[in-house]
Amino acid sequence: MINKNYLNQKTFNSYLVKNFSGKEKILISLSCGVDSTVLFDLILKSKYFKSKNIHYLFFDHQKRPEGKFEIKKFIKNYKIEKSQYFLIKLDVKLSKKNFQNTSRNIRHSFIKSISQKNDICDIFLGHHLDDLAETFFLRDLQQSNINGLTSIFSKKINSLNFHRPLIIHTKKQIYNYAIKNKIFWSEDRTNSELEFTRNKIRKFINLKENSQVLKKKIKNYVNIKNVLYLQNMFFKKINDQNYEINYKEFNNLTESLKLSVIQSFYYNLRHVFKKPIRKDSSVIIIEFLRNPKNINKQRSVFGGKITSYRDKICLNLI
């Protein structure tokens, strides 16, 4: 899973060529830290986009007095035109307990608003491989289900395309690139303060023995992403309330895969239901689909009813 090659301009440019025509407007979210600054440097040196089409977004969380000065120094050092950047000040009253999660939601809201007003669809973020491991570990602690674990760092949110080209590189590789290319960035002292949950996780997984276990677990969940493909294969959408189930092929799956497919299906409709499907409810659906004698019968299940007619089985959501 880890890219053994050093981060360089050539590998980065290949990502741009694969995903862009070069005519797009883009928005780069900048924290002034090493990750987003390296991303910024790679995009500019690629000369792939027109300068007028590159926009920059800075968030001042107002948690550190020096934060606003770091942003000003960054803008001055890299000579960023005023018309090309947006500076958003976040509410300093956010609680310490939920600060990181709440501020992330607020940032996404601003990104959506700014992008829509400026006709931008592509957003660049400086997330890297270590961020992926930290987020996975956090969601695992929160007992997130299979979809929550395999959909980390979604590529499309609110009709916007989120690009994380550094996601295959480690923090160490990013630091090596920054030092080699003599890049100017600012270190956020709060990244080492243990009052934040993510910082505690970062310290924990940096221990070698913990890191190896986590990498193995992530690999297993990445392989299970195929469940999303299976879900679409066995649950064919007729309309918003009705789905035809390919029960004959579904019954060829292993029991664990059947369970995962049903959980995946309901998870992707989580906006419809007030609570997630329980395992015993999933088992009821599996048992109904397993028995051919259930044809031309109807049964109430989680979220609606399963009905059958002329060798077809449909799930009707209420």
C-alpha atoms as a PDB file:
ATOM      1  CA  MET A   1       0.000   0.000   0.000  1.00  0.00           C
ATOM      2  CA  ILE A   2       2.871   2.374   0.754  1.00  0.00           C
ATOM      3  CA  ASN A   3       4.570   3.938  -2.234  1.00  0.00           C
ATOM      4  CA  LYS A   4       8.269   3.158  -1.866  1.00  0.00           C
ATOM      5  CA  ASN A   5       9.312   5.856  -4.339  1.00  0.00           C
ATOM      6  CA  TYR A   6      10.264   9.289  -3.119  1.00  0.00           C
ATOM      7  CA  LEU A   7       7.780  12.056  -3.748  1.00  0.00           C
ATOM      8  CA  ASN A   8       8.848  13.941  -6.863  1.00  0.00           C
ATOM      9  CA  GLN A   9       7.484  16.224  -9.555  1.00  0.00           C
ATOM     10  CA  LYS A  10       7.247  13.481 -12.171  1.00  0.00           C
ATOM     11  CA  THR A  11       4.964  11.224 -10.133  1.00  0.00           C
ATOM     12  CA  PHE A  12       2.858  14.204  -9.102  1.00  0.00           C
ATOM     13  CA  ASN A  13       2.478  15.413 -12.691  1.00  0.00           C
ATOM     14  CA  SER A  14       1.235  11.983 -13.730  1.00  0.00           C
ATOM     15  CA  TYR A  15      -1.676  12.439 -11.300  1.00  0.00           C
ATOM     16  CA  LEU A  16      -2.577  15.774 -12.905  1.00  0.00           C
ATOM     17  CA  VAL A  17      -2.405  14.392 -16.439  1.00  0.00           C
ATOM     18  CA  LYS A  18      -4.618  11.478 -15.442  1.00  0.00           C
ATOM     19  CA  ASN A  19      -7.312  13.607 -13.785  1.00  0.00           C
ATOM     20  CA  PHE A  20      -7.310  17.024 -15.485  1.00  0.00           C
ATOM     21  CA  SER A  21      -7.262  18.730 -18.869  1.00  0.00           C
ATOM     22  CA  GLY A  22      -5.418  21.755 -17.429  1.00  0.00           C
ATOM     23  CA  LYS A  23      -8.252  24.170 -18.182  1.00  0.00           C
ATOM     24  CA  GLU A  24     -10.043  23.687 -14.848  1.00  0.00           C
ATOM     25  CA  LYS A  25     -10.343  26.161 -12.015  1.00  0.00           C
ATOM     26  CA  ILE A  26      -8.947  24.703  -8.801  1.00  0.00           C
ATOM     27  CA  LEU A  27      -8.978  25.598  -5.109  1.00  0.00           C
ATOM     28  CA  ILE A  28      -6.063  24.656  -2.833  1.00  0.00           C
ATOM     29  CA  SER A  29      -6.735  24.508   0.899  1.00  0.00           C
ATOM     30  CA  LEU A  30      -3.613  25.814   2.672  1.00  0.00           C
ATOM     31  CA  SER A  31      -2.756  25.499   6.361  1.00  0.00           C
ATOM     32  CA  CYS A  32       0.798  26.890   5.923  1.00  0.00           C
ATOM     33  CA  GLY A  33       2.032  23.550   7.277  1.00  0.00           C
ATOM     34  CA  VAL A  34       4.449  21.275   5.452  1.00  0.00           C
ATOM     35  CA  ASP A  35       1.790  19.019   3.835  1.00  0.00           C
ATOM     36  CA  SER A  36      -0.293  21.662   2.071  1.00  0.00           C
ATOM     37  CA  THR A  37       2.803  23.757   1.293  1.00  0.00           C
ATOM     38  CA  VAL A  38       4.436  20.822  -0.507  1.00  0.00           C
ATOM     39  CA  LEU A  39       1.178  20.309  -2.392  1.00  0.00           C
ATOM     40  CA  PHE A  40       1.156  24.017  -3.268  1.00  0.00           C
ATOM     41  CA  ASP A  41       4.769  23.827  -4.481  1.00  0.00           C
ATOM     42  CA  LEU A  42       4.126  20.770  -6.672  1.00  0.00           C
ATOM     43  CA  ILE A  43       1.075  22.317  -8.312  1.00  0.00           C
ATOM     44  CA  LEU A  44       2.860  25.578  -9.109  1.00  0.00           C
ATOM     45  CA  LYS A  45       5.998  23.876 -10.421  1.00  0.00           C
ATOM     46  CA  SER A  46       3.911  21.615 -12.639  1.00  0.00           C
ATOM     47  CA  LYS A  47       2.694  24.682 -14.574  1.00  0.00           C
ATOM     48  CA  TYR A  48      -0.271  22.510 -15.500  1.00  0.00           C
ATOM     49  CA  PHE A  49      -2.975  25.054 -14.660  1.00  0.00           C
ATOM     50  CA  LYS A  50      -3.245  28.684 -15.694  1.00  0.00           C
ATOM     51  CA  SER A  51      -2.222  30.972 -12.834  1.00  0.00           C
ATOM     52  CA  LYS A  52      -5.520  32.861 -12.971  1.00  0.00           C
ATOM     53  CA  ASN A  53      -7.396  29.557 -12.465  1.00  0.00           C
ATOM     54  CA  ILE A  54      -5.591  28.653  -9.225  1.00  0.00           C
ATOM     55  CA  HIS A  55      -7.269  29.894  -6.049  1.00  0.00           C
ATOM     56  CA  TYR A  56      -6.134  29.510  -2.456  1.00  0.00           C
ATOM     57  CA  LEU A  57      -8.086  29.098   0.768  1.00  0.00           C
ATOM     58  CA  PHE A  58      -6.706  29.856   4.233  1.00  0.00           C
ATOM     59  CA  PHE A  59      -8.512  29.097   7.480  1.00  0.00           C
ATOM     60  CA  ASP A  60      -7.515  31.057  10.597  1.00  0.00           C
ATOM     61  CA  HIS A  61      -8.815  28.898  13.463  1.00  0.00           C
ATOM     62  CA  GLN A  62      -7.858  31.676  15.903  1.00  0.00           C
ATOM     63  CA  LYS A  63      -6.579  29.038  18.341  1.00  0.00           C
ATOM     64  CA  ARG A  64      -3.008  30.362  18.198  1.00  0.00           C
ATOM     65  CA  PRO A  65      -2.024  34.068  18.304  1.00  0.00           C
ATOM     66  CA  GLU A  66       0.743  33.416  15.785  1.00  0.00           C
ATOM     67  CA  GLY A  67      -1.628  31.774  13.282  1.00  0.00           C
ATOM     68  CA  LYS A  68      -2.681  34.985  11.514  1.00  0.00           C
ATOM     69  CA  PHE A  69       0.944  36.108  11.203  1.00  0.00           C
ATOM     70  CA  GLU A  70       1.944  32.766   9.662  1.00  0.00           C
ATOM     71  CA  ILE A  71      -0.755  33.192   7.009  1.00  0.00           C
ATOM     72  CA  LYS A  72       0.353  36.766   6.243  1.00  0.00           C
ATOM     73  CA  LYS A  73       3.996  35.653   6.023  1.00  0.00           C
ATOM     74  CA  PHE A  74       3.049  32.756   3.713  1.00  0.00           C
ATOM     75  CA  ILE A  75       1.102  35.050   1.370  1.00  0.00           C
ATOM     76  CA  LYS A  76       3.951  37.582   1.297  1.00  0.00           C
ATOM     77  CA  ASN A  77       6.693  34.966   0.838  1.00  0.00           C
ATOM     78  CA  TYR A  78       4.948  33.271  -2.099  1.00  0.00           C
ATOM     79  CA  LYS A  79       3.620  36.559  -3.533  1.00  0.00           C
ATOM     80  CA  ILE A  80       0.011  35.416  -3.742  1.00  0.00           C
ATOM     81  CA  GLU A  81      -2.271  38.022  -5.303  1.00  0.00           C
ATOM     82  CA  LYS A  82      -5.160  39.257  -3.160  1.00  0.00           C
ATOM     83  CA  SER A  83      -7.655  38.374  -5.896  1.00  0.00           C
ATOM     84  CA  GLN A  84      -6.468  34.743  -5.813  1.00  0.00           C
ATOM     85  CA  TYR A  85      -6.998  33.835  -2.168  1.00  0.00           C
ATOM     86  CA  PHE A  86      -9.752  33.605   0.439  1.00  0.00           C
ATOM     87  CA  LEU A  87      -9.096  34.033   4.164  1.00  0.00           C
ATOM     88  CA  ILE A  88     -11.732  32.644   6.537  1.00  0.00           C
ATOM     89  CA  LYS A  89     -11.690  33.223  10.289  1.00  0.00           C
ATOM     90  CA  LEU A  90     -13.339  30.436  12.261  1.00  0.00           C
ATOM     91  CA  ASP A  91     -15.238  30.894  15.523  1.00  0.00           C
ATOM     92  CA  VAL A  92     -12.839  30.802  18.487  1.00  0.00           C
ATOM     93  CA  LYS A  93     -15.681  29.617  20.750  1.00  0.00           C
ATOM     94  CA  LEU A  94     -15.578  26.058  19.419  1.00  0.00           C
ATOM     95  CA  SER A  95     -15.190  23.657  22.330  1.00  0.00           C
ATOM     96  CA  LYS A  96     -11.906  21.803  22.832  1.00  0.00           C
ATOM     97  CA  LYS A  97     -13.740  18.481  23.044  1.00  0.00           C
ATOM     98  CA  ASN A  98     -15.281  18.649  19.574  1.00  0.00           C
ATOM     99  CA  PHE A  99     -13.018  21.285  18.055  1.00  0.00           C
ATOM    100  CA  GLN A 100     -11.404  19.219  15.303  1.00  0.00           C
ATOM    101  CA  ASN A 101     -14.612  17.532  14.148  1.00  0.00           C
ATOM    102  CA  THR A 102     -16.704  20.730  14.317  1.00  0.00           C
ATOM    103  CA  SER A 103     -14.082  22.871  12.584  1.00  0.00           C
ATOM    104  CA  ARG A 104     -13.804  20.277   9.799  1.00  0.00           C
ATOM    105  CA  ASN A 105     -17.539  20.502   9.154  1.00  0.00           C
ATOM    106  CA  ILE A 106     -17.380  24.300   9.116  1.00  0.00           C
ATOM    107  CA  ARG A 107     -14.436  24.213   6.690  1.00  0.00           C
ATOM    108  CA  HIS A 108     -16.368  21.942   4.325  1.00  0.00           C
ATOM    109  CA  SER A 109     -19.282  24.371   4.456  1.00  0.00           C
ATOM    110  CA  PHE A 110     -17.048  27.291   3.463  1.00  0.00           C
ATOM    111  CA  ILE A 111     -15.347  25.250   0.749  1.00  0.00           C
ATOM    112  CA  LYS A 112     -18.737  24.430  -0.742  1.00  0.00           C
ATOM    113  CA  SER A 113     -19.898  28.057  -0.622  1.00  0.00           C
ATOM    114  CA  ILE A 114     -16.705  29.535  -2.075  1.00  0.00           C
ATOM    115  CA  SER A 115     -16.506  26.907  -4.809  1.00  0.00           C
ATOM    116  CA  GLN A 116     -20.090  27.475  -5.933  1.00  0.00           C
ATOM    117  CA  LYS A 117     -19.676  31.253  -6.045  1.00  0.00           C
ATOM    118  CA  ASN A 118     -16.495  30.988  -8.114  1.00  0.00           C
ATOM    119  CA  ASP A 119     -17.482  28.123 -10.412  1.00  0.00           C
ATOM    120  CA  ILE A 120     -14.867  25.751  -8.969  1.00  0.00           C
ATOM    121  CA  CYS A 121     -15.399  21.975  -8.840  1.00  0.00           C
ATOM    122  CA  ASP A 122     -11.939  20.669  -7.943  1.00  0.00           C
ATOM    123  CA  ILE A 123     -10.486  21.018  -4.460  1.00  0.00           C
ATOM    124  CA  PHE A 124      -6.923  20.055  -3.479  1.00  0.00           C
ATOM    125  CA  LEU A 125      -6.118  18.912   0.068  1.00  0.00           C
ATOM    126  CA  GLY A 126      -2.759  17.977   1.576  1.00  0.00           C
ATOM    127  CA  HIS A 127      -3.786  14.698   3.231  1.00  0.00           C
ATOM    128  CA  HIS A 128      -1.131  11.981   3.228  1.00  0.00           C
ATOM    129  CA  LEU A 129      -0.777   8.301   4.117  1.00  0.00           C
ATOM    130  CA  ASP A 130      -0.278   8.974   7.837  1.00  0.00           C
ATOM    131  CA  ASP A 131      -3.536  10.980   7.879  1.00  0.00           C
ATOM    132  CA  LEU A 132      -5.301   7.985   6.357  1.00  0.00           C
ATOM    133  CA  ALA A 133      -4.038   5.713   9.145  1.00  0.00           C
ATOM    134  CA  GLU A 134      -5.035   8.199  11.864  1.00  0.00           C
ATOM    135  CA  THR A 135      -8.549   8.670  10.479  1.00  0.00           C
ATOM    136  CA  PHE A 136      -9.028   4.917  10.051  1.00  0.00           C
ATOM    137  CA  PHE A 137      -7.957   4.318  13.645  1.00  0.00           C
ATOM    138  CA  LEU A 138     -10.300   7.053  14.909  1.00  0.00           C
ATOM    139  CA  ARG A 139     -13.302   5.628  13.035  1.00  0.00           C
ATOM    140  CA  ASP A 140     -12.428   2.126  14.179  1.00  0.00           C
ATOM    141  CA  LEU A 141     -12.463   3.358  17.793  1.00  0.00           C
ATOM    142  CA  GLN A 142     -15.884   4.873  17.124  1.00  0.00           C
ATOM    143  CA  GLN A 143     -17.006   1.417  15.895  1.00  0.00           C
ATOM    144  CA  SER A 144     -17.786   2.686  12.420  1.00  0.00           C
ATOM    145  CA  ASN A 145     -19.189  -0.028  10.140  1.00  0.00           C
ATOM    146  CA  ILE A 146     -17.621  -1.357   6.965  1.00  0.00           C
ATOM    147  CA  ASN A 147     -18.732   1.584   4.809  1.00  0.00           C
ATOM    148  CA  GLY A 148     -17.494   4.159   7.263  1.00  0.00           C
ATOM    149  CA  LEU A 149     -14.090   2.495   7.283  1.00  0.00           C
ATOM    150  CA  THR A 150     -13.771   1.944   3.520  1.00  0.00           C
ATOM    151  CA  SER A 151     -15.060   5.387   2.507  1.00  0.00           C
ATOM    152  CA  ILE A 152     -12.391   7.367   4.363  1.00  0.00           C
ATOM    153  CA  PHE A 153     -11.541  10.572   2.503  1.00  0.00           C
ATOM    154  CA  SER A 154     -14.374  10.530  -0.017  1.00  0.00           C
ATOM    155  CA  LYS A 155     -13.437  11.807  -3.457  1.00  0.00           C
ATOM    156  CA  LYS A 156     -16.768  13.507  -4.081  1.00  0.00           C
ATOM    157  CA  ILE A 157     -18.720  15.571  -1.547  1.00  0.00           C
ATOM    158  CA  ASN A 158     -21.518  18.034  -2.307  1.00  0.00           C
ATOM    159  CA  SER A 159     -20.851  17.742  -6.069  1.00  0.00           C
ATOM    160  CA  LEU A 160     -17.227  18.795  -5.504  1.00  0.00           C
ATOM    161  CA  ASN A 161     -14.199  16.705  -6.474  1.00  0.00           C
ATOM    162  CA  PHE A 162     -11.686  16.377  -3.628  1.00  0.00           C
ATOM    163  CA  HIS A 163      -8.150  15.588  -4.735  1.00  0.00           C
ATOM    164  CA  ARG A 164      -5.529  14.198  -2.356  1.00  0.00           C
ATOM    165  CA  PRO A 165      -2.549  13.367  -4.583  1.00  0.00           C
ATOM    166  CA  LEU A 166      -0.224  13.019  -1.560  1.00  0.00           C
ATOM    167  CA  ILE A 167      -2.335  10.225  -0.034  1.00  0.00           C
ATOM    168  CA  ILE A 168       0.101   7.550  -1.274  1.00  0.00           C
ATOM    169  CA  HIS A 169       3.058   9.238   0.434  1.00  0.00           C
ATOM    170  CA  THR A 170       4.145   9.208   4.068  1.00  0.00           C
ATOM    171  CA  LYS A 171       4.809  12.243   6.228  1.00  0.00           C
ATOM    172  CA  LYS A 172       8.499  11.393   6.115  1.00  0.00           C
ATOM    173  CA  GLN A 173       8.525  11.485   2.311  1.00  0.00           C
ATOM    174  CA  ILE A 174       6.773  14.856   2.377  1.00  0.00           C
ATOM    175  CA  TYR A 175       9.350  16.242   4.830  1.00  0.00           C
ATOM    176  CA  ASN A 176      12.176  14.916   2.658  1.00  0.00           C
ATOM    177  CA  TYR A 177      10.731  16.687  -0.392  1.00  0.00           C
ATOM    178  CA  ALA A 178      10.299  19.944   1.564  1.00  0.00           C
ATOM    179  CA  ILE A 179      13.868  19.917   2.868  1.00  0.00           C
ATOM    180  CA  LYS A 180      15.365  18.925  -0.478  1.00  0.00           C
ATOM    181  CA  ASN A 181      13.517  21.724  -2.268  1.00  0.00           C
ATOM    182  CA  LYS A 182      14.141  24.287   0.503  1.00  0.00           C
ATOM    183  CA  ILE A 183      10.464  25.011   0.999  1.00  0.00           C
ATOM    184  CA  PHE A 184       9.234  27.563   3.532  1.00  0.00           C
ATOM    185  CA  TRP A 185       6.436  26.416   5.856  1.00  0.00           C
ATOM    186  CA  SER A 186       5.220  26.897   9.440  1.00  0.00           C
ATOM    187  CA  GLU A 187       4.922  24.230  12.141  1.00  0.00           C
ATOM    188  CA  ASP A 188       1.662  24.231  14.108  1.00  0.00           C
ATOM    189  CA  ARG A 189       2.596  23.698  17.775  1.00  0.00           C
ATOM    190  CA  THR A 190      -0.909  22.355  18.575  1.00  0.00           C
ATOM    191  CA  ASN A 191      -0.145  19.234  16.503  1.00  0.00           C
ATOM    192  CA  SER A 192       1.818  17.905  19.479  1.00  0.00           C
ATOM    193  CA  GLU A 193      -0.634  18.957  22.196  1.00  0.00           C
ATOM    194  CA  LEU A 194      -2.373  15.891  23.642  1.00  0.00           C
ATOM    195  CA  GLU A 195      -5.635  17.673  24.509  1.00  0.00           C
ATOM    196  CA  PHE A 196      -6.840  16.725  21.025  1.00  0.00           C
ATOM    197  CA  THR A 197      -7.905  13.112  20.349  1.00  0.00           C
ATOM    198  CA  ARG A 198      -6.235  12.949  16.923  1.00  0.00           C
ATOM    199  CA  ASN A 199      -2.885  13.976  18.442  1.00  0.00           C
ATOM    200  CA  LYS A 200      -3.162  11.184  21.020  1.00  0.00           C
ATOM    201  CA  ILE A 201      -3.873   8.739  18.181  1.00  0.00           C
ATOM    202  CA  ARG A 202      -0.912  10.057  16.194  1.00  0.00           C
ATOM    203  CA  LYS A 203       1.420   9.431  19.137  1.00  0.00           C
ATOM    204  CA  PHE A 204      -0.038   5.955  19.705  1.00  0.00           C
ATOM    205  CA  ILE A 205       0.249   4.677  16.123  1.00  0.00           C
ATOM    206  CA  ASN A 206       3.763   6.062  15.713  1.00  0.00           C
ATOM    207  CA  LEU A 207       4.891   3.182  17.923  1.00  0.00           C
ATOM    208  CA  LYS A 208       6.237   0.542  15.545  1.00  0.00           C
ATOM    209  CA  GLU A 209       4.236  -2.407  16.894  1.00  0.00           C
ATOM    210  CA  ASN A 210       0.953  -0.471  16.739  1.00  0.00           C
ATOM    211  CA  SER A 211       1.707   0.852  13.278  1.00  0.00           C
ATOM    212  CA  GLN A 212       2.187  -2.634  11.790  1.00  0.00           C
ATOM    213  CA  VAL A 213      -1.114  -3.940  13.196  1.00  0.00           C
ATOM    214  CA  LEU A 214      -2.986  -0.904  11.868  1.00  0.00           C
ATOM    215  CA  LYS A 215      -1.508  -1.194   8.372  1.00  0.00           C
ATOM    216  CA  LYS A 216      -2.601  -4.825   8.171  1.00  0.00           C
ATOM    217  CA  LYS A 217      -6.131  -3.949   9.271  1.00  0.00           C
ATOM    218  CA  ILE A 218      -6.412  -1.090   6.761  1.00  0.00           C
ATOM    219  CA  LYS A 219      -5.327  -3.436   3.969  1.00  0.00           C
ATOM    220  CA  ASN A 220      -8.101  -5.860   4.870  1.00  0.00           C
ATOM    221  CA  TYR A 221     -10.746  -3.153   4.726  1.00  0.00           C
ATOM    222  CA  VAL A 222      -9.424  -1.785   1.444  1.00  0.00           C
ATOM    223  CA  ASN A 223      -9.927  -5.252  -0.050  1.00  0.00           C
ATOM    224  CA  ILE A 224     -13.514  -5.264   1.211  1.00  0.00           C
ATOM    225  CA  LYS A 225     -14.278  -2.192  -0.912  1.00  0.00           C
ATOM    226  CA  ASN A 226     -15.480  -4.731  -3.463  1.00  0.00           C
ATOM    227  CA  VAL A 227     -18.581  -5.019  -1.273  1.00  0.00           C
ATOM    228  CA  LEU A 228     -19.764  -1.702  -2.693  1.00  0.00           C
ATOM    229  CA  TYR A 229     -19.595  -3.213  -6.166  1.00  0.00           C
ATOM    230  CA  LEU A 230     -21.508  -6.293  -5.009  1.00  0.00           C
ATOM    231  CA  GLN A 231     -24.174  -4.146  -3.397  1.00  0.00           C
ATOM    232  CA  ASN A 232     -24.979  -2.493  -6.726  1.00  0.00           C
ATOM    233  CA  MET A 233     -24.964  -5.885  -8.423  1.00  0.00           C
ATOM    234  CA  PHE A 234     -27.566  -7.446  -6.114  1.00  0.00           C
ATOM    235  CA  PHE A 235     -29.770  -4.439  -5.304  1.00  0.00           C
ATOM    236  CA  LYS A 236     -31.030  -2.887  -8.539  1.00  0.00           C
ATOM    237  CA  LYS A 237     -32.709   0.474  -8.004  1.00  0.00           C
ATOM    238  CA  ILE A 238     -36.161   0.792  -9.593  1.00  0.00           C
ATOM    239  CA  ASN A 239     -36.998   4.121  -7.924  1.00  0.00           C
ATOM    240  CA  ASP A 240     -36.288   5.847  -4.583  1.00  0.00           C
ATOM    241  CA  GLN A 241     -38.479   3.419  -2.641  1.00  0.00           C
ATOM    242  CA  ASN A 242     -38.131   0.178  -4.596  1.00  0.00           C
ATOM    243  CA  TYR A 243     -35.206  -2.150  -5.274  1.00  0.00           C
ATOM    244  CA  GLU A 244     -35.203  -5.447  -7.117  1.00  0.00           C
ATOM    245  CA  ILE A 245     -33.002  -8.052  -5.435  1.00  0.00           C
ATOM    246  CA  ASN A 246     -31.026 -10.528  -7.522  1.00  0.00           C
ATOM    247  CA  TYR A 247     -31.610 -13.200  -4.875  1.00  0.00           C
ATOM    248  CA  LYS A 248     -30.453 -16.212  -6.923  1.00  0.00           C
ATOM    249  CA  GLU A 249     -26.939 -14.831  -7.370  1.00  0.00           C
ATOM    250  CA  PHE A 250     -27.006 -13.325  -3.881  1.00  0.00           C
ATOM    251  CA  ASN A 251     -27.452 -16.804  -2.406  1.00  0.00           C
ATOM    252  CA  ASN A 252     -24.131 -17.872  -3.944  1.00  0.00           C
ATOM    253  CA  LEU A 253     -22.243 -15.517  -1.627  1.00  0.00           C
ATOM    254  CA  THR A 254     -20.701 -16.580   1.665  1.00  0.00           C
ATOM    255  CA  GLU A 255     -22.713 -15.737   4.770  1.00  0.00           C
ATOM    256  CA  SER A 256     -20.275 -13.011   5.843  1.00  0.00           C
ATOM    257  CA  LEU A 257     -20.417 -11.365   2.404  1.00  0.00           C
ATOM    258  CA  LYS A 258     -24.226 -11.501   2.414  1.00  0.00           C
ATOM    259  CA  LEU A 259     -24.222  -9.690   5.733  1.00  0.00           C
ATOM    260  CA  SER A 260     -21.721  -7.093   4.484  1.00  0.00           C
ATOM    261  CA  VAL A 261     -23.704  -6.431   1.288  1.00  0.00           C
ATOM    262  CA  ILE A 262     -26.931  -5.811   3.225  1.00  0.00           C
ATOM    263  CA  GLN A 263     -25.176  -3.552   5.725  1.00  0.00           C
ATOM    264  CA  SER A 264     -23.583  -1.666   2.843  1.00  0.00           C
ATOM    265  CA  PHE A 265     -26.960  -1.227   1.133  1.00  0.00           C
ATOM    266  CA  TYR A 266     -28.618   0.211   4.228  1.00  0.00           C
ATOM    267  CA  TYR A 267     -25.610   2.353   5.123  1.00  0.00           C
ATOM    268  CA  ASN A 268     -25.825   4.117   1.764  1.00  0.00           C
ATOM    269  CA  LEU A 269     -29.462   4.891   2.546  1.00  0.00           C
ATOM    270  CA  ARG A 270     -28.666   6.109   6.071  1.00  0.00           C
ATOM    271  CA  HIS A 271     -30.232   9.512   5.319  1.00  0.00           C
ATOM    272  CA  VAL A 272     -33.602   7.704   5.058  1.00  0.00           C
ATOM    273  CA  PHE A 273     -33.459   5.884   8.404  1.00  0.00           C
ATOM    274  CA  LYS A 274     -33.010   7.189  11.929  1.00  0.00           C
ATOM    275  CA  LYS A 275     -30.902   4.227  13.051  1.00  0.00           C
ATOM    276  CA  PRO A 276     -28.577   1.638  11.434  1.00  0.00           C
ATOM    277  CA  ILE A 277     -29.754  -1.862  10.612  1.00  0.00           C
ATOM    278  CA  ARG A 278     -29.015  -4.434  13.314  1.00  0.00           C
ATOM    279  CA  LYS A 279     -27.388  -7.774  12.587  1.00  0.00           C
ATOM    280  CA  ASP A 280     -30.517  -9.753  13.489  1.00  0.00           C
ATOM    281  CA  SER A 281     -32.553  -7.695  11.002  1.00  0.00           C
ATOM    282  CA  SER A 282     -29.986  -8.449   8.295  1.00  0.00           C
ATOM    283  CA  VAL A 283     -30.212 -12.173   9.117  1.00  0.00           C
ATOM    284  CA  ILE A 284     -33.991 -12.066   8.642  1.00  0.00           C
ATOM    285  CA  ILE A 285     -33.519 -10.694   5.104  1.00  0.00           C
ATOM    286  CA  ILE A 286     -30.843 -13.297   4.343  1.00  0.00           C
ATOM    287  CA  GLU A 287     -33.134 -16.122   5.493  1.00  0.00           C
ATOM    288  CA  PHE A 288     -36.021 -14.843   3.399  1.00  0.00           C
ATOM    289  CA  LEU A 289     -33.868 -14.692   0.263  1.00  0.00           C
ATOM    290  CA  ARG A 290     -32.371 -18.121   0.939  1.00  0.00           C
ATOM    291  CA  ASN A 291     -35.634 -20.067   0.795  1.00  0.00           C
ATOM    292  CA  PRO A 292     -37.235 -20.429  -2.697  1.00  0.00           C
ATOM    293  CA  LYS A 293     -40.567 -21.195  -1.004  1.00  0.00           C
ATOM    294  CA  ASN A 294     -40.808 -17.520  -0.105  1.00  0.00           C
ATOM    295  CA  ILE A 295     -41.703 -16.633  -3.686  1.00  0.00           C
ATOM    296  CA  ASN A 296     -45.140 -14.994  -3.896  1.00  0.00           C
ATOM    297  CA  LYS A 297     -45.000 -14.063  -0.224  1.00  0.00           C
ATOM    298  CA  GLN A 298     -44.480 -10.820   1.676  1.00  0.00           C
ATOM    299  CA  ARG A 299     -42.658 -10.016   4.896  1.00  0.00           C
ATOM    300  CA  SER A 300     -41.977  -6.880   6.904  1.00  0.00           C
ATOM    301  CA  VAL A 301     -38.262  -6.157   7.291  1.00  0.00           C
ATOM    302  CA  PHE A 302     -36.122  -3.274   8.486  1.00  0.00           C
ATOM    303  CA  GLY A 303     -37.230  -0.109   6.702  1.00  0.00           C
ATOM    304  CA  GLY A 304     -40.088  -1.646   4.735  1.00  0.00           C
ATOM    305  CA  LYS A 305     -41.303  -4.894   3.204  1.00  0.00           C
ATOM    306  CA  ILE A 306     -39.920  -7.630   0.995  1.00  0.00           C
ATOM    307  CA  THR A 307     -42.431  -8.761  -1.612  1.00  0.00           C
ATOM    308  CA  SER A 308     -42.160 -11.351  -4.358  1.00  0.00           C
ATOM    309  CA  TYR A 309     -44.000 -11.892  -7.626  1.00  0.00           C
ATOM    310  CA  ARG A 310     -43.330 -14.205 -10.574  1.00  0.00           C
ATOM    311  CA  ASP A 311     -39.837 -15.216  -9.538  1.00  0.00           C
ATOM    312  CA  LYS A 312     -38.834 -11.660  -8.617  1.00  0.00           C
ATOM    313  CA  ILE A 313     -38.146 -10.295  -5.149  1.00  0.00           C
ATOM    314  CA  CYS A 314     -38.363  -6.573  -4.376  1.00  0.00           C
ATOM    315  CA  LEU A 315     -37.556  -4.513  -1.318  1.00  0.00           C
ATOM    316  CA  ASN A 316     -40.098  -1.736  -0.828  1.00  0.00           C
ATOM    317  CA  LEU A 317     -38.914   0.991   1.539  1.00  0.00           C
ATOM    318  CA  ILE A 318     -41.481   2.893   3.548  1.00  0.00           C
END
